[in-house]
All heavy atoms as atom14 arrays in JSON, in Angstrom:
{
  "sequence": "TIYYADSVKGRFTISRDNAKNTVYLQMNNLKFEDTASYYCARRRGGSG",
  "atom14_mask": [
    [1, 1, 1, 1, 1, 1, 1, 0, 0, 0, 0, 0, 0, 0],
    [1, 1, 1, 1, 1, 1, 1, 1, 0, 0, 0, 0, 0, 0],
    [1, 1, 1, 1, 1, 1, 1, 1, 1, 1, 1, 1, 0, 0],
    [1, 1, 1, 1, 1, 1, 1, 1, 1, 1, 1, 1, 0, 0],
    [1, 1, 1, 1, 1, 0, 0, 0, 0, 0, 0, 0, 0, 0],
    [1, 1, 1, 1, 1, 1, 1, 1, 0, 0, 0, 0, 0, 0],
    [1, 1, 1, 1, 1, 1, 0, 0, 0, 0, 0, 0, 0, 0],
    [1, 1, 1, 1, 1, 1, 1, 0, 0, 0, 0, 0, 0, 0],
    [1, 1, 1, 1, 1, 1, 1, 1, 1, 0, 0, 0, 0, 0],
    [1, 1, 1, 1, 0, 0, 0, 0, 0, 0, 0, 0, 0, 0],
    [1, 1, 1, 1, 1, 1, 1, 1, 1, 1, 1, 0, 0, 0],
    [1, 1, 1, 1, 1, 1, 1, 1, 1, 1, 1, 0, 0, 0],
    [1, 1, 1, 1, 1, 1, 1, 0, 0, 0, 0, 0, 0, 0],
    [1, 1, 1, 1, 1, 1, 1, 1, 0, 0, 0, 0, 0, 0],
    [1, 1, 1, 1, 1, 1, 0, 0, 0, 0, 0, 0, 0, 0],
    [1, 1, 1, 1, 1, 1, 1, 1, 1, 1, 1, 0, 0, 0],
    [1, 1, 1, 1, 1, 1, 1, 1, 0, 0, 0, 0, 0, 0],
    [1, 1, 1, 1, 1, 1, 1, 1, 0, 0, 0, 0, 0, 0],
    [1, 1, 1, 1, 1, 0, 0, 0, 0, 0, 0, 0, 0, 0],
    [1, 1, 1, 1, 1, 1, 1, 1, 1, 0, 0, 0, 0, 0],
    [1, 1, 1, 1, 1, 1, 1, 1, 0, 0, 0, 0, 0, 0],
    [1, 1, 1, 1, 1, 1, 1, 0, 0, 0, 0, 0, 0, 0],
    [1, 1, 1, 1, 1, 1, 1, 0, 0, 0, 0, 0, 0, 0],
    [1, 1, 1, 1, 1, 1, 1, 1, 1, 1, 1, 1, 0, 0],
    [1, 1, 1, 1, 1, 1, 1, 1, 0, 0, 0, 0, 0, 0],
    [1, 1, 1, 1, 1, 1, 1, 1, 1, 0, 0, 0, 0, 0],
    [1, 1, 1, 1, 1, 1, 1, 1, 0, 0, 0, 0, 0, 0],
    [1, 1, 1, 1, 1, 1, 1, 1, 0, 0, 0, 0, 0, 0],
    [1, 1, 1, 1, 1, 1, 1, 1, 0, 0, 0, 0, 0, 0],
    [1, 1, 1, 1, 1, 1, 1, 1, 0, 0, 0, 0, 0, 0],
    [1, 1, 1, 1, 1, 1, 1, 1, 1, 0, 0, 0, 0, 0],
    [1, 1, 1, 1, 1, 1, 1, 1, 1, 1, 1, 0, 0, 0],
    [1, 1, 1, 1, 1, 1, 1, 1, 1, 0, 0, 0, 0, 0],
    [1, 1, 1, 1, 1, 1, 1, 1, 0, 0, 0, 0, 0, 0],
    [1, 1, 1, 1, 1, 1, 1, 0, 0, 0, 0, 0, 0, 0],
    [1, 1, 1, 1, 1, 0, 0, 0, 0, 0, 0, 0, 0, 0],
    [1, 1, 1, 1, 1, 1, 0, 0, 0, 0, 0, 0, 0, 0],
    [1, 1, 1, 1, 1, 1, 1, 1, 1, 1, 1, 1, 0, 0],
    [1, 1, 1, 1, 1, 1, 1, 1, 1, 1, 1, 1, 0, 0],
    [1, 1, 1, 1, 1, 1, 0, 0, 0, 0, 0, 0, 0, 0],
    [1, 1, 1, 1, 1, 0, 0, 0, 0, 0, 0, 0, 0, 0],
    [1, 1, 1, 1, 1, 1, 1, 1, 1, 1, 1, 0, 0, 0],
    [1, 1, 1, 1, 1, 1, 1, 1, 1, 1, 1, 0, 0, 0],
    [1, 1, 1, 1, 1, 1, 1, 1, 1, 1, 1, 0, 0, 0],
    [1, 1, 1, 1, 0, 0, 0, 0, 0, 0, 0, 0, 0, 0],
    [1, 1, 1, 1, 0, 0, 0, 0, 0, 0, 0, 0, 0, 0],
    [1, 1, 1, 1, 1, 1, 0, 0, 0, 0, 0, 0, 0, 0],
    [1, 1, 1, 1, 0, 0, 0, 0, 0, 0, 0, 0, 0, 0]
  ],
  "atom14_positions": [
    [[-19.44, 0.42, -16.8], [-19.66, 1.35, -15.67], [-19.63, 2.78, -16.17], [-18.73, 3.19, -16.89], [-18.53, 1.12, -14.62], [-18.48, -0.28, -14.25], [-18.82, 2.12, -13.39], [0.0, 0.0, 0.0], [0.0, 0.0, 0.0], [0.0, 0.0, 0.0], [0.0, 0.0, 0.0], [0.0, 0.0, 0.0], [0.0, 0.0, 0.0], [0.0, 0.0, 0.0]],
    [[-20.58, 3.59, -15.77], [-20.73, 4.97, -16.23], [-20.92, 5.88, -15.13], [-21.56, 5.62, -14.14], [-22.0, 4.99, -17.11], [-21.74, 4.18, -18.4], [-22.47, 6.4, -17.42], [-22.96, 4.01, -19.31], [0.0, 0.0, 0.0], [0.0, 0.0, 0.0], [0.0, 0.0, 0.0], [0.0, 0.0, 0.0], [0.0, 0.0, 0.0], [0.0, 0.0, 0.0]],
    [[-20.31, 7.09, -15.26], [-20.57, 8.21, -14.36], [-20.8, 9.44, -15.21], [-20.35, 9.58, -16.26], [-19.33, 8.46, -13.48], [-18.91, 7.25, -12.55], [-17.91, 6.38, -12.91], [-19.61, 7.13, -11.36], [-17.63, 5.38, -12.13], [-19.23, 6.09, -10.56], [-18.25, 5.21, -10.91], [-18.04, 4.14, -10.09], [0.0, 0.0, 0.0], [0.0, 0.0, 0.0]],
    [[-21.59, 10.42, -14.51], [-21.87, 11.7, -15.08], [-21.63, 12.79, -14.06], [-21.91, 12.58, -12.83], [-23.3, 11.76, -15.65], [-23.74, 10.78, -16.66], [-24.38, 9.65, -16.35], [-23.45, 11.08, -17.92], [-24.79, 8.72, -17.34], [-23.85, 10.25, -18.91], [-24.49, 9.11, -18.68], [-24.86, 8.22, -19.69], [0.0, 0.0, 0.0], [0.0, 0.0, 0.0]],
    [[-21.24, 13.9, -14.57], [-21.26, 15.06, -13.67], [-22.66, 15.51, -13.42], [-23.56, 15.25, -14.23], [-20.6, 16.25, -14.42], [0.0, 0.0, 0.0], [0.0, 0.0, 0.0], [0.0, 0.0, 0.0], [0.0, 0.0, 0.0], [0.0, 0.0, 0.0], [0.0, 0.0, 0.0], [0.0, 0.0, 0.0], [0.0, 0.0, 0.0], [0.0, 0.0, 0.0]],
    [[-22.8, 16.07, -12.17], [-24.23, 16.43, -11.79], [-24.86, 17.38, -12.81], [-26.08, 17.38, -13.09], [-24.17, 17.02, -10.49], [-23.95, 16.1, -9.39], [-24.11, 14.81, -9.59], [-23.58, 16.51, -8.16], [0.0, 0.0, 0.0], [0.0, 0.0, 0.0], [0.0, 0.0, 0.0], [0.0, 0.0, 0.0], [0.0, 0.0, 0.0], [0.0, 0.0, 0.0]],
    [[-24.07, 18.17, -13.34], [-24.59, 19.22, -14.27], [-25.28, 18.67, -15.56], [-26.0, 19.36, -16.27], [-23.53, 20.28, -14.64], [-22.4, 19.59, -15.32], [0.0, 0.0, 0.0], [0.0, 0.0, 0.0], [0.0, 0.0, 0.0], [0.0, 0.0, 0.0], [0.0, 0.0, 0.0], [0.0, 0.0, 0.0], [0.0, 0.0, 0.0], [0.0, 0.0, 0.0]],
    [[-24.87, 17.42, -15.91], [-25.42, 16.82, -17.18], [-26.27, 15.64, -17.01], [-26.86, 15.12, -18.02], [-24.22, 16.52, -18.16], [-23.35, 17.71, -18.31], [-23.4, 15.3, -17.64], [0.0, 0.0, 0.0], [0.0, 0.0, 0.0], [0.0, 0.0, 0.0], [0.0, 0.0, 0.0], [0.0, 0.0, 0.0], [0.0, 0.0, 0.0], [0.0, 0.0, 0.0]],
    [[-26.49, 15.22, -15.7], [-27.3, 14.06, -15.44], [-28.71, 14.27, -15.99], [-29.33, 15.31, -15.87], [-27.33, 13.74, -13.98], [-26.07, 13.15, -13.47], [-26.16, 12.82, -11.99], [-24.88, 12.13, -11.48], [-24.96, 11.95, -10.0], [0.0, 0.0, 0.0], [0.0, 0.0, 0.0], [0.0, 0.0, 0.0], [0.0, 0.0, 0.0], [0.0, 0.0, 0.0]],
    [[-29.27, 13.28, -16.73], [-30.56, 13.34, -17.26], [-30.6, 13.96, -18.64], [-31.62, 13.95, -19.27], [0.0, 0.0, 0.0], [0.0, 0.0, 0.0], [0.0, 0.0, 0.0], [0.0, 0.0, 0.0], [0.0, 0.0, 0.0], [0.0, 0.0, 0.0], [0.0, 0.0, 0.0], [0.0, 0.0, 0.0], [0.0, 0.0, 0.0], [0.0, 0.0, 0.0]],
    [[-29.48, 14.58, -19.0], [-29.43, 15.22, -20.44], [-28.4, 14.64, -21.36], [-28.67, 14.52, -22.5], [-29.09, 16.77, -20.21], [-30.08, 17.57, -19.39], [-29.71, 19.01, -19.45], [-28.45, 19.35, -18.88], [-27.5, 19.93, -19.62], [-27.69, 20.26, -20.91], [-26.37, 20.16, -19.05], [0.0, 0.0, 0.0], [0.0, 0.0, 0.0], [0.0, 0.0, 0.0]],
    [[-27.37, 14.13, -20.77], [-26.24, 13.53, -21.58], [-26.2, 12.01, -21.31], [-26.53, 11.51, -20.31], [-24.92, 14.06, -21.2], [-24.72, 15.51, -21.63], [-25.67, 16.35, -22.01], [-23.4, 16.07, -21.51], [-25.48, 17.65, -22.41], [-23.11, 17.34, -21.88], [-24.2, 18.15, -22.23], [0.0, 0.0, 0.0], [0.0, 0.0, 0.0], [0.0, 0.0, 0.0]],
    [[-25.82, 11.34, -22.42], [-25.69, 9.88, -22.32], [-24.48, 9.43, -23.03], [-24.2, 9.72, -24.21], [-26.94, 9.15, -22.97], [-28.14, 9.57, -22.42], [-26.84, 7.58, -22.79], [0.0, 0.0, 0.0], [0.0, 0.0, 0.0], [0.0, 0.0, 0.0], [0.0, 0.0, 0.0], [0.0, 0.0, 0.0], [0.0, 0.0, 0.0], [0.0, 0.0, 0.0]],
    [[-23.7, 8.7, -22.24], [-22.39, 8.19, -22.82], [-22.67, 6.71, -23.2], [-23.37, 6.02, -22.54], [-21.23, 8.28, -21.82], [-19.88, 7.94, -22.52], [-21.4, 7.4, -20.61], [-18.76, 8.31, -21.65], [0.0, 0.0, 0.0], [0.0, 0.0, 0.0], [0.0, 0.0, 0.0], [0.0, 0.0, 0.0], [0.0, 0.0, 0.0], [0.0, 0.0, 0.0]],
    [[-22.07, 6.28, -24.37], [-22.29, 4.93, -24.82], [-20.99, 4.56, -25.64], [-20.18, 5.4, -25.95], [-23.49, 4.72, -25.62], [-23.47, 5.54, -26.71], [0.0, 0.0, 0.0], [0.0, 0.0, 0.0], [0.0, 0.0, 0.0], [0.0, 0.0, 0.0], [0.0, 0.0, 0.0], [0.0, 0.0, 0.0], [0.0, 0.0, 0.0], [0.0, 0.0, 0.0]],
    [[-20.89, 3.25, -25.92], [-19.87, 2.86, -26.8], [-20.35, 1.84, -27.8], [-21.28, 1.1, -27.6], [-18.7, 2.2, -25.9], [-18.76, 0.79, -25.49], [-19.81, 0.49, -24.43], [-19.57, -0.71, -23.87], [-20.41, -1.27, -22.96], [-21.6, -0.65, -22.52], [-20.21, -2.47, -22.5], [0.0, 0.0, 0.0], [0.0, 0.0, 0.0], [0.0, 0.0, 0.0]],
    [[-19.69, 1.74, -28.92], [-19.75, 0.74, -29.93], [-18.5, 0.04, -30.08], [-17.66, 0.48, -30.69], [-20.27, 1.36, -31.24], [-20.7, 0.33, -32.29], [-20.13, -0.83, -32.29], [-21.43, 0.64, -33.12], [0.0, 0.0, 0.0], [0.0, 0.0, 0.0], [0.0, 0.0, 0.0], [0.0, 0.0, 0.0], [0.0, 0.0, 0.0], [0.0, 0.0, 0.0]],
    [[-18.47, -1.16, -29.42], [-17.13, -1.83, -29.35], [-16.73, -2.26, -30.78], [-15.48, -2.26, -31.11], [-17.28, -3.05, -28.5], [-17.36, -2.67, -27.04], [-17.05, -1.55, -26.6], [-17.77, -3.7, -26.22], [0.0, 0.0, 0.0], [0.0, 0.0, 0.0], [0.0, 0.0, 0.0], [0.0, 0.0, 0.0], [0.0, 0.0, 0.0], [0.0, 0.0, 0.0]],
    [[-17.68, -2.52, -31.65], [-17.36, -3.0, -33.05], [-16.69, -1.82, -33.73], [-15.82, -2.1, -34.63], [-18.57, -3.53, -33.76], [0.0, 0.0, 0.0], [0.0, 0.0, 0.0], [0.0, 0.0, 0.0], [0.0, 0.0, 0.0], [0.0, 0.0, 0.0], [0.0, 0.0, 0.0], [0.0, 0.0, 0.0], [0.0, 0.0, 0.0], [0.0, 0.0, 0.0]],
    [[-17.05, -0.65, -33.47], [-16.47, 0.57, -34.16], [-15.39, 1.22, -33.38], [-14.79, 2.17, -33.86], [-17.63, 1.57, -34.44], [-18.64, 1.1, -35.41], [-19.68, 2.13, -35.66], [-20.68, 1.71, -36.65], [-21.73, 2.78, -36.95], [0.0, 0.0, 0.0], [0.0, 0.0, 0.0], [0.0, 0.0, 0.0], [0.0, 0.0, 0.0], [0.0, 0.0, 0.0]],
    [[-15.13, 0.6, -32.18], [-14.0, 1.2, -31.4], [-14.21, 2.68, -31.16], [-13.33, 3.5, -31.13], [-12.61, 0.97, -31.96], [-11.57, 0.77, -30.95], [-11.77, 0.26, -29.89], [-10.33, 1.15, -31.32], [0.0, 0.0, 0.0], [0.0, 0.0, 0.0], [0.0, 0.0, 0.0], [0.0, 0.0, 0.0], [0.0, 0.0, 0.0], [0.0, 0.0, 0.0]],
    [[-15.47, 3.03, -30.79], [-15.92, 4.42, -30.66], [-16.75, 4.63, -29.43], [-17.66, 3.73, -29.01], [-16.65, 4.82, -31.85], [-15.87, 4.85, -33.07], [-17.17, 6.31, -31.81], [0.0, 0.0, 0.0], [0.0, 0.0, 0.0], [0.0, 0.0, 0.0], [0.0, 0.0, 0.0], [0.0, 0.0, 0.0], [0.0, 0.0, 0.0], [0.0, 0.0, 0.0]],
    [[-16.68, 5.7, -28.75], [-17.36, 6.15, -27.65], [-18.24, 7.3, -28.09], [-17.65, 8.27, -28.8], [-16.57, 6.45, -26.38], [-17.49, 7.06, -25.36], [-15.9, 5.2, -25.9], [0.0, 0.0, 0.0], [0.0, 0.0, 0.0], [0.0, 0.0, 0.0], [0.0, 0.0, 0.0], [0.0, 0.0, 0.0], [0.0, 0.0, 0.0], [0.0, 0.0, 0.0]],
    [[-19.44, 7.48, -27.7], [-20.36, 8.58, -28.06], [-20.83, 9.36, -26.79], [-20.84, 8.8, -25.66], [-21.62, 8.06, -28.7], [-21.24, 7.29, -29.92], [-21.27, 5.86, -29.96], [-20.97, 7.91, -31.16], [-20.99, 5.1, -31.07], [-20.74, 7.13, -32.33], [-20.68, 5.74, -32.28], [-20.37, 4.97, -33.4], [0.0, 0.0, 0.0], [0.0, 0.0, 0.0]],
    [[-21.15, 10.56, -27.0], [-21.71, 11.37, -25.98], [-22.94, 12.03, -26.66], [-22.8, 13.04, -27.4], [-20.79, 12.44, -25.4], [-21.32, 13.25, -24.29], [-21.49, 12.44, -23.0], [-20.38, 14.5, -23.9], [0.0, 0.0, 0.0], [0.0, 0.0, 0.0], [0.0, 0.0, 0.0], [0.0, 0.0, 0.0], [0.0, 0.0, 0.0], [0.0, 0.0, 0.0]],
    [[-24.08, 11.54, -26.3], [-25.28, 12.06, -26.77], [-25.75, 13.21, -25.87], [-25.93, 12.98, -24.66], [-26.41, 11.07, -26.85], [-27.76, 11.63, -27.3], [-27.8, 12.05, -28.74], [-27.3, 11.41, -29.61], [-28.37, 13.22, -28.94], [0.0, 0.0, 0.0], [0.0, 0.0, 0.0], [0.0, 0.0, 0.0], [0.0, 0.0, 0.0], [0.0, 0.0, 0.0]],
    [[-25.89, 14.4, -26.38], [-26.13, 15.66, -25.58], [-27.55, 16.14, -25.96], [-27.7, 16.59, -27.03], [-25.1, 16.72, -25.73], [-23.7, 16.2, -25.48], [-22.38, 17.48, -25.5], [-22.51, 17.96, -27.22], [0.0, 0.0, 0.0], [0.0, 0.0, 0.0], [0.0, 0.0, 0.0], [0.0, 0.0, 0.0], [0.0, 0.0, 0.0], [0.0, 0.0, 0.0]],
    [[-28.49, 16.11, -25.06], [-29.81, 16.58, -25.31], [-30.09, 17.76, -24.38], [-29.44, 17.97, -23.43], [-30.81, 15.53, -24.95], [-30.71, 14.31, -25.92], [-30.3, 14.5, -27.1], [-30.96, 13.08, -25.44], [0.0, 0.0, 0.0], [0.0, 0.0, 0.0], [0.0, 0.0, 0.0], [0.0, 0.0, 0.0], [0.0, 0.0, 0.0], [0.0, 0.0, 0.0]],
    [[-31.12, 18.54, -24.77], [-31.51, 19.72, -23.99], [-30.36, 20.61, -23.63], [-30.09, 20.99, -22.51], [-32.2, 19.26, -22.72], [-32.98, 20.45, -21.95], [-33.3, 21.51, -22.65], [-33.21, 20.32, -20.74], [0.0, 0.0, 0.0], [0.0, 0.0, 0.0], [0.0, 0.0, 0.0], [0.0, 0.0, 0.0], [0.0, 0.0, 0.0], [0.0, 0.0, 0.0]],
    [[-29.54, 20.94, -24.64], [-28.31, 21.8, -24.39], [-28.67, 23.13, -23.89], [-29.62, 23.74, -24.27], [-27.54, 21.76, -25.65], [-26.81, 20.48, -26.02], [-26.42, 20.49, -27.54], [-25.55, 20.36, -25.2], [0.0, 0.0, 0.0], [0.0, 0.0, 0.0], [0.0, 0.0, 0.0], [0.0, 0.0, 0.0], [0.0, 0.0, 0.0], [0.0, 0.0, 0.0]],
    [[-27.7, 23.59, -23.08], [-27.84, 24.85, -22.37], [-26.69, 25.75, -22.68], [-25.65, 25.23, -23.16], [-28.0, 24.65, -20.89], [-29.1, 23.75, -20.44], [-29.12, 23.61, -18.87], [-30.15, 22.6, -18.56], [-31.54, 23.09, -18.79], [0.0, 0.0, 0.0], [0.0, 0.0, 0.0], [0.0, 0.0, 0.0], [0.0, 0.0, 0.0], [0.0, 0.0, 0.0]],
    [[-26.78, 27.07, -22.51], [-25.76, 28.0, -22.73], [-24.51, 27.47, -22.02], [-23.32, 27.63, -22.52], [-26.1, 29.4, -22.37], [-27.19, 30.09, -23.09], [-28.35, 30.42, -22.46], [-27.09, 30.14, -24.5], [-29.33, 31.0, -23.22], [-28.04, 30.78, -25.29], [-29.21, 31.27, -24.59], [0.0, 0.0, 0.0], [0.0, 0.0, 0.0], [0.0, 0.0, 0.0]],
    [[-24.72, 27.03, -20.84], [-23.51, 26.6, -20.0], [-22.81, 25.41, -20.42], [-21.68, 25.1, -19.97], [-23.98, 26.24, -18.53], [-24.79, 27.44, -17.94], [-26.32, 27.16, -18.16], [-26.8, 27.8, -19.22], [-27.03, 26.57, -17.31], [0.0, 0.0, 0.0], [0.0, 0.0, 0.0], [0.0, 0.0, 0.0], [0.0, 0.0, 0.0], [0.0, 0.0, 0.0]],
    [[-23.37, 24.65, -21.41], [-22.65, 23.62, -22.13], [-21.67, 24.09, -23.21], [-20.87, 23.17, -23.72], [-23.7, 22.6, -22.7], [-24.62, 22.01, -21.72], [-24.1, 21.57, -20.7], [-25.84, 21.95, -22.0], [0.0, 0.0, 0.0], [0.0, 0.0, 0.0], [0.0, 0.0, 0.0], [0.0, 0.0, 0.0], [0.0, 0.0, 0.0], [0.0, 0.0, 0.0]],
    [[-21.58, 25.25, -23.52], [-20.65, 25.71, -24.51], [-19.24, 25.54, -24.04], [-18.83, 26.07, -23.0], [-20.88, 27.25, -24.81], [-22.18, 27.43, -25.35], [-19.89, 27.76, -25.73], [0.0, 0.0, 0.0], [0.0, 0.0, 0.0], [0.0, 0.0, 0.0], [0.0, 0.0, 0.0], [0.0, 0.0, 0.0], [0.0, 0.0, 0.0], [0.0, 0.0, 0.0]],
    [[-18.42, 24.83, -24.86], [-17.06, 24.52, -24.42], [-16.43, 23.64, -25.57], [-17.16, 23.2, -26.41], [-17.04, 23.73, -23.16], [0.0, 0.0, 0.0], [0.0, 0.0, 0.0], [0.0, 0.0, 0.0], [0.0, 0.0, 0.0], [0.0, 0.0, 0.0], [0.0, 0.0, 0.0], [0.0, 0.0, 0.0], [0.0, 0.0, 0.0], [0.0, 0.0, 0.0]],
    [[-15.14, 23.52, -25.49], [-14.49, 22.49, -26.2], [-14.57, 21.18, -25.55], [-14.29, 21.12, -24.35], [-13.03, 22.9, -26.5], [-12.94, 24.04, -27.35], [0.0, 0.0, 0.0], [0.0, 0.0, 0.0], [0.0, 0.0, 0.0], [0.0, 0.0, 0.0], [0.0, 0.0, 0.0], [0.0, 0.0, 0.0], [0.0, 0.0, 0.0], [0.0, 0.0, 0.0]],
    [[-15.04, 20.17, -26.29], [-15.16, 18.86, -25.61], [-14.04, 17.91, -26.08], [-13.68, 17.79, -27.18], [-16.46, 18.26, -26.04], [-17.68, 18.86, -25.23], [-18.05, 20.17, -25.52], [-18.28, 18.2, -24.25], [-19.1, 20.69, -24.8], [-19.25, 18.77, -23.51], [-19.76, 20.04, -23.8], [-20.66, 20.61, -23.09], [0.0, 0.0, 0.0], [0.0, 0.0, 0.0]],
    [[-13.5, 17.15, -25.11], [-12.36, 16.39, -25.31], [-12.71, 14.93, -24.8], [-13.35, 14.79, -23.73], [-11.11, 16.81, -24.65], [-10.65, 18.21, -25.02], [-11.23, 19.3, -24.37], [-9.66, 18.42, -25.97], [-10.87, 20.55, -24.73], [-9.29, 19.64, -26.33], [-9.79, 20.72, -25.68], [-9.43, 21.91, -26.15], [0.0, 0.0, 0.0], [0.0, 0.0, 0.0]],
    [[-12.26, 13.87, -25.53], [-12.22, 12.63, -24.89], [-10.82, 12.17, -24.55], [-9.92, 12.69, -25.17], [-12.9, 11.53, -25.86], [-12.03, 11.15, -27.42], [0.0, 0.0, 0.0], [0.0, 0.0, 0.0], [0.0, 0.0, 0.0], [0.0, 0.0, 0.0], [0.0, 0.0, 0.0], [0.0, 0.0, 0.0], [0.0, 0.0, 0.0], [0.0, 0.0, 0.0]],
    [[-10.68, 11.28, -23.58], [-9.41, 10.89, -23.1], [-9.51, 9.48, -22.61], [-10.57, 9.0, -22.24], [-8.93, 11.85, -21.98], [0.0, 0.0, 0.0], [0.0, 0.0, 0.0], [0.0, 0.0, 0.0], [0.0, 0.0, 0.0], [0.0, 0.0, 0.0], [0.0, 0.0, 0.0], [0.0, 0.0, 0.0], [0.0, 0.0, 0.0], [0.0, 0.0, 0.0]],
    [[-8.35, 8.78, -22.58], [-8.39, 7.48, -22.16], [-7.55, 7.29, -20.88], [-6.61, 8.03, -20.49], [-7.75, 6.57, -23.25], [-6.23, 6.62, -23.28], [-5.66, 5.52, -24.19], [-4.22, 5.45, -24.06], [-3.47, 4.65, -24.76], [-3.94, 3.83, -25.65], [-2.09, 4.72, -24.59], [0.0, 0.0, 0.0], [0.0, 0.0, 0.0], [0.0, 0.0, 0.0]],
    [[-7.91, 6.28, -20.12], [-7.19, 5.87, -18.93], [-7.34, 4.43, -18.7], [-8.38, 3.8, -19.09], [-7.58, 6.69, -17.61], [-9.02, 6.41, -17.25], [-9.45, 7.2, -16.03], [-9.05, 6.58, -14.74], [-9.12, 7.09, -13.55], [-9.71, 8.33, -13.44], [-8.73, 6.54, -12.49], [0.0, 0.0, 0.0], [0.0, 0.0, 0.0], [0.0, 0.0, 0.0]],
    [[-6.47, 3.83, -17.94], [-6.56, 2.41, -17.53], [-7.62, 2.38, -16.44], [-7.59, 3.21, -15.48], [-5.24, 1.9, -17.05], [-4.26, 1.62, -18.18], [-4.59, 0.37, -18.92], [-3.55, -0.02, -19.85], [-3.65, -1.12, -20.64], [-4.67, -1.94, -20.62], [-2.66, -1.46, -21.4], [0.0, 0.0, 0.0], [0.0, 0.0, 0.0], [0.0, 0.0, 0.0]],
    [[-8.46, 1.44, -16.49], [-9.35, 1.21, -15.36], [-8.61, 0.74, -14.15], [-7.59, 0.11, -14.31], [0.0, 0.0, 0.0], [0.0, 0.0, 0.0], [0.0, 0.0, 0.0], [0.0, 0.0, 0.0], [0.0, 0.0, 0.0], [0.0, 0.0, 0.0], [0.0, 0.0, 0.0], [0.0, 0.0, 0.0], [0.0, 0.0, 0.0], [0.0, 0.0, 0.0]],
    [[-9.18, 1.07, -12.99], [-8.54, 0.64, -11.79], [-7.29, 1.44, -11.4], [-6.43, 0.88, -10.64], [0.0, 0.0, 0.0], [0.0, 0.0, 0.0], [0.0, 0.0, 0.0], [0.0, 0.0, 0.0], [0.0, 0.0, 0.0], [0.0, 0.0, 0.0], [0.0, 0.0, 0.0], [0.0, 0.0, 0.0], [0.0, 0.0, 0.0], [0.0, 0.0, 0.0]],
    [[-7.19, 2.69, -11.85], [-6.08, 3.44, -11.57], [-5.95, 4.01, -10.06], [-4.92, 4.36, -9.59], [-5.91, 4.61, -12.53], [-6.94, 5.56, -12.22], [0.0, 0.0, 0.0], [0.0, 0.0, 0.0], [0.0, 0.0, 0.0], [0.0, 0.0, 0.0], [0.0, 0.0, 0.0], [0.0, 0.0, 0.0], [0.0, 0.0, 0.0], [0.0, 0.0, 0.0]],
    [[-7.22, 3.93, -9.46], [-7.33, 4.39, -8.12], [-7.6, 5.9, -7.99], [-7.89, 6.38, -6.86], [0.0, 0.0, 0.0], [0.0, 0.0, 0.0], [0.0, 0.0, 0.0], [0.0, 0.0, 0.0], [0.0, 0.0, 0.0], [0.0, 0.0, 0.0], [0.0, 0.0, 0.0], [0.0, 0.0, 0.0], [0.0, 0.0, 0.0], [0.0, 0.0, 0.0]]
  ]
}
């Protein structure tokens, strides 16, 4: 299950490689407004 912020829909793609235990964020057509520090974080699914 995947969600995107409206500001990145159509430009960013999230994916995972379970074998590598890694999540990716492919960012295309980058804009000035995308400048930031990017963080990944974990949560339990179904937290509400």
